[in-house]
C-alpha atoms as a PDB file:
ATOM      1  CA  MET A   1       0.000   0.000   0.000  1.00  0.00           C
ATOM      2  CA  SER A   2       1.364   3.416  -0.981  1.00  0.00           C
ATOM      3  CA  ALA A   3       1.588   6.039   1.729  1.00  0.00           C
ATOM      4  CA  GLY A   4       1.435   8.937  -0.722  1.00  0.00           C
ATOM      5  CA  PRO A   5       3.806  11.472  -2.222  1.00  0.00           C
ATOM      6  CA  VAL A   6       5.118  12.791   1.090  1.00  0.00           C
ATOM      7  CA  ALA A   7       6.246   9.318   2.146  1.00  0.00           C
ATOM      8  CA  ALA A   8       7.732   8.713  -1.308  1.00  0.00           C
ATOM      9  CA  VAL A   9       9.857  11.846  -1.027  1.00  0.00           C
ATOM     10  CA  ALA A  10      10.767  11.033   2.583  1.00  0.00           C
ATOM     11  CA  ARG A  11      12.124   7.629   1.500  1.00  0.00           C
ATOM     12  CA  LEU A  12      14.710   9.312  -0.712  1.00  0.00           C
ATOM     13  CA  ALA A  13      18.188   9.427   0.759  1.00  0.00           C
ATOM     14  CA  GLN A  14      18.336  13.224   0.682  1.00  0.00           C
ATOM     15  CA  PRO A  15      18.880  15.819   3.412  1.00  0.00           C
ATOM     16  CA  GLY A  16      15.761  17.069   5.149  1.00  0.00           C
ATOM     17  CA  TRP A  17      16.152  20.607   3.803  1.00  0.00           C
ATOM     18  CA  LEU A  18      16.215  19.265   0.233  1.00  0.00           C
ATOM     19  CA  GLN A  19      13.114  17.152   0.850  1.00  0.00           C
ATOM     20  CA  PHE A  20      11.355  20.199   2.282  1.00  0.00           C
ATOM     21  CA  ALA A  21      12.365  22.340  -0.716  1.00  0.00           C
ATOM     22  CA  ALA A  22      11.102  19.647  -3.103  1.00  0.00           C
ATOM     23  CA  LEU A  23       7.766  19.464  -1.290  1.00  0.00           C
ATOM     24  CA  VAL A  24       7.382  23.260  -1.361  1.00  0.00           C
ATOM     25  CA  LEU A  25       8.090  23.295  -5.102  1.00  0.00           C
ATOM     26  CA  LEU A  26       5.659  20.434  -5.741  1.00  0.00           C
ATOM     27  CA  ALA A  27       2.958  22.139  -3.673  1.00  0.00           C
ATOM     28  CA  ASP A  28       3.499  25.392  -5.578  1.00  0.00           C
ATOM     29  CA  LEU A  29       3.312  23.545  -8.901  1.00  0.00           C
ATOM     30  CA  ALA A  30       0.063  21.869  -7.832  1.00  0.00           C
ATOM     31  CA  ASN A  31      -1.377  25.241  -6.773  1.00  0.00           C
ATOM     32  CA  TYR A  32      -0.372  26.792 -10.100  1.00  0.00           C
ATOM     33  CA  ALA A  33      -1.891  23.903 -12.069  1.00  0.00           C
ATOM     34  CA  GLY A  34      -5.142  24.160 -10.119  1.00  0.00           C
ATOM     35  CA  HIS A  35      -5.373  27.934 -10.585  1.00  0.00           C
ATOM     36  CA  ARG A  36      -4.558  27.546 -14.280  1.00  0.00           C
ATOM     37  CA  ALA A  37      -7.428  25.041 -14.568  1.00  0.00           C
ATOM     38  CA  TRP A  38      -9.798  27.650 -13.102  1.00  0.00           C
ATOM     39  CA  HIS A  39      -8.765  29.955 -15.948  1.00  0.00           C
ATOM     40  CA  GLU A  40      -8.816  27.429 -18.790  1.00  0.00           C
ATOM     41  CA  ILE A  41     -11.917  25.287 -18.129  1.00  0.00           C
ATOM     42  CA  GLY A  42     -15.134  27.129 -19.018  1.00  0.00           C
ATOM     43  CA  PRO A  43     -17.396  26.077 -16.126  1.00  0.00           C
ATOM     44  CA  LEU A  44     -14.610  26.673 -13.617  1.00  0.00           C
ATOM     45  CA  TRP A  45     -13.817  30.069 -15.138  1.00  0.00           C
ATOM     46  CA  ARG A  46     -17.411  31.221 -14.722  1.00  0.00           C
ATOM     47  CA  LEU A  47     -17.088  30.536 -10.984  1.00  0.00           C
ATOM     48  CA  HIS A  48     -13.570  31.960 -10.743  1.00  0.00           C
ATOM     49  CA  ALA A  49     -14.223  35.132 -12.781  1.00  0.00           C
ATOM     50  CA  VAL A  50     -15.614  36.831  -9.655  1.00  0.00           C
ATOM     51  CA  HIS A  51     -12.034  36.757  -8.355  1.00  0.00           C
ATOM     52  CA  HIS A  52     -11.015  38.935 -11.322  1.00  0.00           C
ATOM     53  CA  SER A  53     -14.103  41.166 -11.549  1.00  0.00           C
ATOM     54  CA  ARG A  54     -13.169  43.851  -9.024  1.00  0.00           C
ATOM     55  CA  PRO A  55     -13.452  47.196 -10.894  1.00  0.00           C
ATOM     56  CA  THR A  56     -10.533  48.855  -9.063  1.00  0.00           C
ATOM     57  CA  TRP A  57      -7.334  47.420  -7.631  1.00  0.00           C
ATOM     58  CA  THR A  58      -6.369  48.491  -4.138  1.00  0.00           C
ATOM     59  CA  GLY A  59      -3.308  46.268  -3.863  1.00  0.00           C
ATOM     60  CA  CYS A  60      -4.915  44.344  -1.014  1.00  0.00           C
ATOM     61  CA  PRO A  61      -7.031  41.221  -1.055  1.00  0.00           C
ATOM     62  CA  PRO A  62     -10.716  41.835  -0.249  1.00  0.00           C
ATOM     63  CA  ALA A  63     -10.463  40.290   3.240  1.00  0.00           C
ATOM     64  CA  ALA A  64      -7.738  42.753   4.203  1.00  0.00           C
ATOM     65  CA  VAL A  65      -9.779  45.664   2.835  1.00  0.00           C
ATOM     66  CA  ARG A  66     -12.854  44.626   4.849  1.00  0.00           C
ATOM     67  CA  ALA A  67     -10.819  44.304   8.051  1.00  0.00           C
ATOM     68  CA  SER A  68      -9.578  47.916   7.892  1.00  0.00           C
END
């Protein structure tokens, strides 16, 4: 039984810092791929477009603007 990608990386004979860096890069790649899918797949884009529909840019995410 496979324990998943974290266990697969942990089994490599590499220093801990290198394993951590690899996991961070893989997580970032997965996040990018998921966000790209929101932009490229029609039904997902219709849900995601709200994220891009703000008429003015304040430089802050909406949650930070509401908290001030």
